[in-house]
Amino acid sequence: MGLGWNQSFTVTEETHMGGEGDKAAGRVKEAAGDLTGDKDLQGEGKTQNAAGNVKDAGSKVGDKVKDAADNLGDSLKK
């Protein structure tokens, strides 16, 4: 049994919040690294912040795919 459109392209709130959480944690690590002069911690913070941006971009793409699938499903029902 196959999955329906809505089941195939579900984007969870966890994905949205994961990006924001990574960005916030990254900013904290980067600031702590700045204050302490710890270049490794600064780099880790920058990397985590970038990962959060990627997660956010991915969730936006997922939302667009879900919307397109929903619209297609609605069109096919008519």
C-alpha atoms as a PDB file:
ATOM      1  CA  MET A   1       0.000   0.000   0.000  1.00  0.00           C
ATOM      2  CA  GLY A   2       1.501   3.351  -1.042  1.00  0.00           C
ATOM      3  CA  LEU A   3       1.499   6.572   0.865  1.00  0.00           C
ATOM      4  CA  GLY A   4      -0.849   9.404  -0.046  1.00  0.00           C
ATOM      5  CA  TRP A   5       0.386  12.853  -1.030  1.00  0.00           C
ATOM      6  CA  ASN A   6       0.077  14.297   2.444  1.00  0.00           C
ATOM      7  CA  GLN A   7       1.902  11.376   4.017  1.00  0.00           C
ATOM      8  CA  SER A   8       4.732  11.425   1.478  1.00  0.00           C
ATOM      9  CA  PHE A   9       5.657  15.070   1.823  1.00  0.00           C
ATOM     10  CA  THR A  10       5.126  15.868   5.484  1.00  0.00           C
ATOM     11  CA  VAL A  11       7.492  18.485   6.886  1.00  0.00           C
ATOM     12  CA  THR A  12       7.497  18.425  10.661  1.00  0.00           C
ATOM     13  CA  GLU A  13       7.671  21.299  13.083  1.00  0.00           C
ATOM     14  CA  GLU A  14      10.783  19.611  14.480  1.00  0.00           C
ATOM     15  CA  THR A  15      12.589  20.383  11.210  1.00  0.00           C
ATOM     16  CA  HIS A  16      11.613  24.051  11.456  1.00  0.00           C
ATOM     17  CA  MET A  17      12.635  24.324  15.107  1.00  0.00           C
ATOM     18  CA  GLY A  18      15.847  22.336  14.589  1.00  0.00           C
ATOM     19  CA  GLY A  19      17.238  25.018  12.310  1.00  0.00           C
ATOM     20  CA  GLU A  20      16.394  27.808  14.741  1.00  0.00           C
ATOM     21  CA  GLY A  21      17.877  25.846  17.642  1.00  0.00           C
ATOM     22  CA  ASP A  22      21.109  25.198  15.762  1.00  0.00           C
ATOM     23  CA  LYS A  23      21.411  28.840  14.775  1.00  0.00           C
ATOM     24  CA  ALA A  24      20.857  30.030  18.354  1.00  0.00           C
ATOM     25  CA  ALA A  25      23.333  27.520  19.806  1.00  0.00           C
ATOM     26  CA  GLY A  26      25.835  28.433  17.102  1.00  0.00           C
ATOM     27  CA  ARG A  27      25.575  32.133  17.918  1.00  0.00           C
ATOM     28  CA  VAL A  28      26.132  31.398  21.631  1.00  0.00           C
ATOM     29  CA  LYS A  29      29.193  29.244  20.919  1.00  0.00           C
ATOM     30  CA  GLU A  30      30.591  31.799  18.518  1.00  0.00           C
ATOM     31  CA  ALA A  31      30.128  34.609  21.062  1.00  0.00           C
ATOM     32  CA  ALA A  32      31.697  32.509  23.826  1.00  0.00           C
ATOM     33  CA  GLY A  33      34.631  31.786  21.540  1.00  0.00           C
ATOM     34  CA  ASP A  34      34.981  35.507  20.805  1.00  0.00           C
ATOM     35  CA  LEU A  35      34.979  36.365  24.514  1.00  0.00           C
ATOM     36  CA  THR A  36      37.479  33.679  25.485  1.00  0.00           C
ATOM     37  CA  GLY A  37      39.663  33.848  22.390  1.00  0.00           C
ATOM     38  CA  ASP A  38      38.876  30.178  21.650  1.00  0.00           C
ATOM     39  CA  LYS A  39      39.138  29.915  17.851  1.00  0.00           C
ATOM     40  CA  ASP A  40      37.928  26.274  17.882  1.00  0.00           C
ATOM     41  CA  LEU A  41      34.743  27.246  19.722  1.00  0.00           C
ATOM     42  CA  GLN A  42      34.230  30.167  17.325  1.00  0.00           C
ATOM     43  CA  GLY A  43      34.556  27.818  14.368  1.00  0.00           C
ATOM     44  CA  GLU A  44      32.206  25.290  15.931  1.00  0.00           C
ATOM     45  CA  GLY A  45      29.634  28.038  16.462  1.00  0.00           C
ATOM     46  CA  LYS A  46      29.915  29.253  12.876  1.00  0.00           C
ATOM     47  CA  THR A  47      29.511  25.690  11.616  1.00  0.00           C
ATOM     48  CA  GLN A  48      26.454  25.049  13.783  1.00  0.00           C
ATOM     49  CA  ASN A  49      24.891  28.353  12.709  1.00  0.00           C
ATOM     50  CA  ALA A  50      25.452  27.416   9.054  1.00  0.00           C
ATOM     51  CA  ALA A  51      23.881  23.995   9.679  1.00  0.00           C
ATOM     52  CA  GLY A  52      20.812  25.755  11.075  1.00  0.00           C
ATOM     53  CA  ASN A  53      20.558  27.888   7.946  1.00  0.00           C
ATOM     54  CA  VAL A  54      20.723  24.759   5.791  1.00  0.00           C
ATOM     55  CA  LYS A  55      17.982  23.071   7.849  1.00  0.00           C
ATOM     56  CA  ASP A  56      15.779  26.154   7.479  1.00  0.00           C
ATOM     57  CA  ALA A  57      16.327  26.247   3.718  1.00  0.00           C
ATOM     58  CA  GLY A  58      15.559  22.532   3.462  1.00  0.00           C
ATOM     59  CA  SER A  59      12.339  22.885   5.421  1.00  0.00           C
ATOM     60  CA  LYS A  60      11.234  25.753   3.149  1.00  0.00           C
ATOM     61  CA  VAL A  61      11.827  23.553   0.100  1.00  0.00           C
ATOM     62  CA  GLY A  62       9.889  20.760   1.803  1.00  0.00           C
ATOM     63  CA  ASP A  63       7.005  23.132   2.468  1.00  0.00           C
ATOM     64  CA  LYS A  64       6.921  24.161  -1.209  1.00  0.00           C
ATOM     65  CA  VAL A  65       6.933  20.507  -2.326  1.00  0.00           C
ATOM     66  CA  LYS A  66       4.121  19.683   0.101  1.00  0.00           C
ATOM     67  CA  ASP A  67       2.063  22.656  -1.120  1.00  0.00           C
ATOM     68  CA  ALA A  68       2.580  21.639  -4.748  1.00  0.00           C
ATOM     69  CA  ALA A  69       1.619  18.038  -3.951  1.00  0.00           C
ATOM     70  CA  ASP A  70      -1.490  19.196  -2.081  1.00  0.00           C
ATOM     71  CA  ASN A  71      -2.489  21.416  -5.021  1.00  0.00           C
ATOM     72  CA  LEU A  72      -1.963  18.566  -7.468  1.00  0.00           C
ATOM     73  CA  GLY A  73      -4.007  16.235  -5.278  1.00  0.00           C
ATOM     74  CA  ASP A  74      -6.814  18.814  -5.081  1.00  0.00           C
ATOM     75  CA  SER A  75      -6.738  19.236  -8.875  1.00  0.00           C
ATOM     76  CA  LEU A  76      -6.961  15.498  -9.439  1.00  0.00           C
ATOM     77  CA  LYS A  77      -9.989  15.229  -7.145  1.00  0.00           C
ATOM     78  CA  LYS A  78     -11.984  17.670  -9.309  1.00  0.00           C
END
